[in-house]
C-alpha atoms as a PDB file:
ATOM      1  CA  MET A   1      -9.654 -27.218  13.571  1.00  0.00           C
ATOM      2  CA  PRO A   2      -7.203 -25.504  11.085  1.00  0.00           C
ATOM      3  CA  PRO A   3      -4.307 -23.761  12.451  1.00  0.00           C
ATOM      4  CA  CYS A   4      -3.939 -20.140  12.542  1.00  0.00           C
ATOM      5  CA  VAL A   5      -3.358 -18.319   8.973  1.00  0.00           C
ATOM      6  CA  TYR A   6      -0.337 -16.064  10.726  1.00  0.00           C
ATOM      7  CA  CYS A   7       1.491 -18.281  13.278  1.00  0.00           C
ATOM      8  CA  HIS A   8       0.426 -21.802  12.008  1.00  0.00           C
ATOM      9  CA  THR A   9       1.111 -23.167  15.564  1.00  0.00           C
ATOM     10  CA  ARG A  10      -1.946 -22.914  17.292  1.00  0.00           C
ATOM     11  CA  PRO A  11      -5.711 -23.797  16.064  1.00  0.00           C
ATOM     12  CA  VAL A  12      -8.000 -21.199  14.838  1.00  0.00           C
ATOM     13  CA  ASP A  13     -10.140 -19.481  17.832  1.00  0.00           C
ATOM     14  CA  PRO A  14     -13.649 -18.875  16.495  1.00  0.00           C
ATOM     15  CA  ALA A  15     -13.532 -15.301  18.125  1.00  0.00           C
ATOM     16  CA  TRP A  16     -10.210 -14.512  16.070  1.00  0.00           C
ATOM     17  CA  ARG A  17     -11.134 -16.518  13.101  1.00  0.00           C
ATOM     18  CA  PRO A  18      -9.040 -17.215  11.004  1.00  0.00           C
ATOM     19  CA  PHE A  19      -6.366 -16.309  13.397  1.00  0.00           C
ATOM     20  CA  CYS A  20      -5.684 -17.813  16.705  1.00  0.00           C
ATOM     21  CA  SER A  21      -5.331 -14.469  18.743  1.00  0.00           C
ATOM     22  CA  GLU A  22      -6.290 -10.815  18.710  1.00  0.00           C
ATOM     23  CA  ARG A  23      -2.168 -10.849  18.591  1.00  0.00           C
ATOM     24  CA  CYS A  24      -1.752 -12.682  15.136  1.00  0.00           C
ATOM     25  CA  GLN A  25      -4.480 -10.736  14.071  1.00  0.00           C
ATOM     26  CA  LEU A  26      -3.106  -7.466  14.820  1.00  0.00           C
ATOM     27  CA  LEU A  27       0.674  -8.610  13.110  1.00  0.00           C
ATOM     28  CA  ASP A  28      -1.073  -9.493  10.226  1.00  0.00           C
ATOM     29  CA  LEU A  29      -2.837  -6.197  10.037  1.00  0.00           C
ATOM     30  CA  ALA A  30       0.656  -4.623  10.397  1.00  0.00           C
ATOM     31  CA  ASN A  31       2.041  -6.501   7.593  1.00  0.00           C
ATOM     32  CA  TRP A  32      -0.734  -4.877   5.326  1.00  0.00           C
ATOM     33  CA  VAL A  33      -0.035  -1.341   6.762  1.00  0.00           C
ATOM     34  CA  ASP A  34       3.617  -1.524   5.947  1.00  0.00           C
ATOM     35  CA  GLY A  35       3.139  -2.803   2.413  1.00  0.00           C
ATOM     36  CA  ARG A  36       4.691  -6.144   3.102  1.00  0.00           C
ATOM     37  CA  TYR A  37       1.263  -7.890   1.723  1.00  0.00           C
ATOM     38  CA  SER A  38      -0.106  -6.420  -1.496  1.00  0.00           C
ATOM     39  CA  VAL A  39      -2.864  -7.576  -4.125  1.00  0.00           C
ATOM     40  CA  PRO A  40      -1.622  -7.309  -8.032  1.00  0.00           C
ATOM     41  CA  SER A  41      -3.135  -5.058  -9.817  1.00  0.00           C
ATOM     42  CA  GLU A  42      -4.299  -6.249 -13.419  1.00  0.00           C
ATOM     43  CA  GLU A  43      -3.241  -3.001 -15.096  1.00  0.00           C
ATOM     44  CA  PRO A  44       0.444  -2.997 -15.576  1.00  0.00           C
ATOM     45  CA  GLU A  45       2.688  -0.187 -13.867  1.00  0.00           C
ATOM     46  CA  PRO A  46       3.879   2.715 -16.093  1.00  0.00           C
ATOM     47  CA  ALA A  47       7.311   2.629 -17.183  1.00  0.00           C
ATOM     48  CA  GLU A  48       9.750   5.056 -15.852  1.00  0.00           C
ATOM     49  CA  THR A  49       9.847   6.930 -19.274  1.00  0.00           C
ATOM     50  CA  ASP A  50       6.279   7.457 -19.521  1.00  0.00           C
ATOM     51  CA  ASN A  51       6.552  10.313 -17.007  1.00  0.00           C
ATOM     52  CA  PRO A  52       7.354  13.569 -18.822  1.00  0.00           C
ATOM     53  CA  SER A  53       8.156  15.727 -15.317  1.00  0.00           C
ATOM     54  CA  PRO A  54      11.581  15.610 -13.628  1.00  0.00           C
ATOM     55  CA  ALA A  55      11.978  13.162 -10.645  1.00  0.00           C
ATOM     56  CA  GLY A  56       8.208  12.006 -10.579  1.00  0.00           C
ATOM     57  CA  GLN A  57       7.056  15.619  -9.609  1.00  0.00           C
ATOM     58  CA  ALA A  58       3.678  16.935 -10.720  1.00  0.00           C
ATOM     59  CA  PRO A  59       3.961  19.481 -13.641  1.00  0.00           C
ATOM     60  CA  ARG A  60       4.240  22.906 -12.461  1.00  0.00           C
ATOM     61  CA  THR A  61       0.904  24.966 -12.680  1.00  0.00           C
ATOM     62  CA  GLY A  62       0.172  28.743 -12.882  1.00  0.00           C
ATOM     63  CA  PRO A  63       2.207  31.575 -14.891  1.00  0.00           C
ATOM     64  CA  PRO A  64       5.508  30.988 -16.148  1.00  0.00           C
ATOM     65  CA  LYS A  65       8.374  31.781 -14.301  1.00  0.00           C
ATOM     66  CA  GLY A  66       9.355  35.743 -14.523  1.00  0.00           C
ATOM     67  CA  ASP A  67       5.773  36.540 -15.576  1.00  0.00           C
ATOM     68  CA  THR A  68       5.461  39.707 -13.394  1.00  0.00           C
ATOM     69  CA  THR A  69       2.445  41.143 -14.914  1.00  0.00           C
ATOM     70  CA  GLU A  70      -0.749  41.689 -12.883  1.00  0.00           C
ATOM     71  CA  PRO A  71      -4.238  41.016 -13.856  1.00  0.00           C
END
């Protein structure tokens, strides 16, 4: 039987395949959740200069500042 894909020390348990135990399965899942693993995107990430808003904030919506007229 092949070794566990996480610890590489114990054989795979059919109940936890491709892992040897629930522990290895949960540790692997934690790596995905924490962002340690990632799947590469086919689209390139936008350059920092492509974002016209300051500090990556969403553009402001609504009336301009100082506009106190009511409808």
